[in-house]
Amino acid sequence: MSTDLRQVVKHNLDVARRILFVFEMKKRLDELPRIFPRSLSPIRDFLSQRMDEVKDASLPLVLVFVASCLEHYLREKIPIEKKEKLGFKKLIERFRSSIGDKLAKDAHEMRIKRNIILHKAGVIDEKASKEFMKIGLTAYSVGDRLMLSEDEIRRYIDTCEKICNLI
């Protein structure tokens, strides 16, 4: 079961990476003016704008997907006789000794952001701000909209992969 579960997580993380790869295409699209005539600029600009819109909508969904993969993996790694309903926060803490403080902090950061996206429409509230401060992240203020980057999502994918390899 462990190998099957790892394979599912690996597949899901590969899907997340492929979604991010699509956004690499936008960077190539931005190079088109050097390659194609000026007459194609309106088409390139239109496609570039649509790609930005898709990326802005997709990055939060990819984060939620990756965080959910990690939560499911951790939940499945608890022995059946000890299964109780644990929230994602407690699951991370339960495995802290196996994954170390750095990966636990990254997993909590991902968990907090997932909750902001799912439950607060992407806006940081007082509870999330306090949770960020507890793990040493002070750049997030109440009322701010959560902003995500491709590099950040790649880091979360890597975090999930490292944790799954350790447990």
Foldseek 3Di string as FASTA:
>chain_A
DLVVLLVVLVVLLVVLVVVLVVLVVLVVLVVCCVVDPPVCVVVSVVVNVVSVVCCQVCPLVSLLSLLVSLQVSLQVPDDPVPRDDDDSLVSLVVCCVQQDLVLSLLSQVSVLQNCCVPPVVQFDAPVSCVSCVVSPHNPHDGGDGDDDDSVSSVVSSVSSSSSSVRD
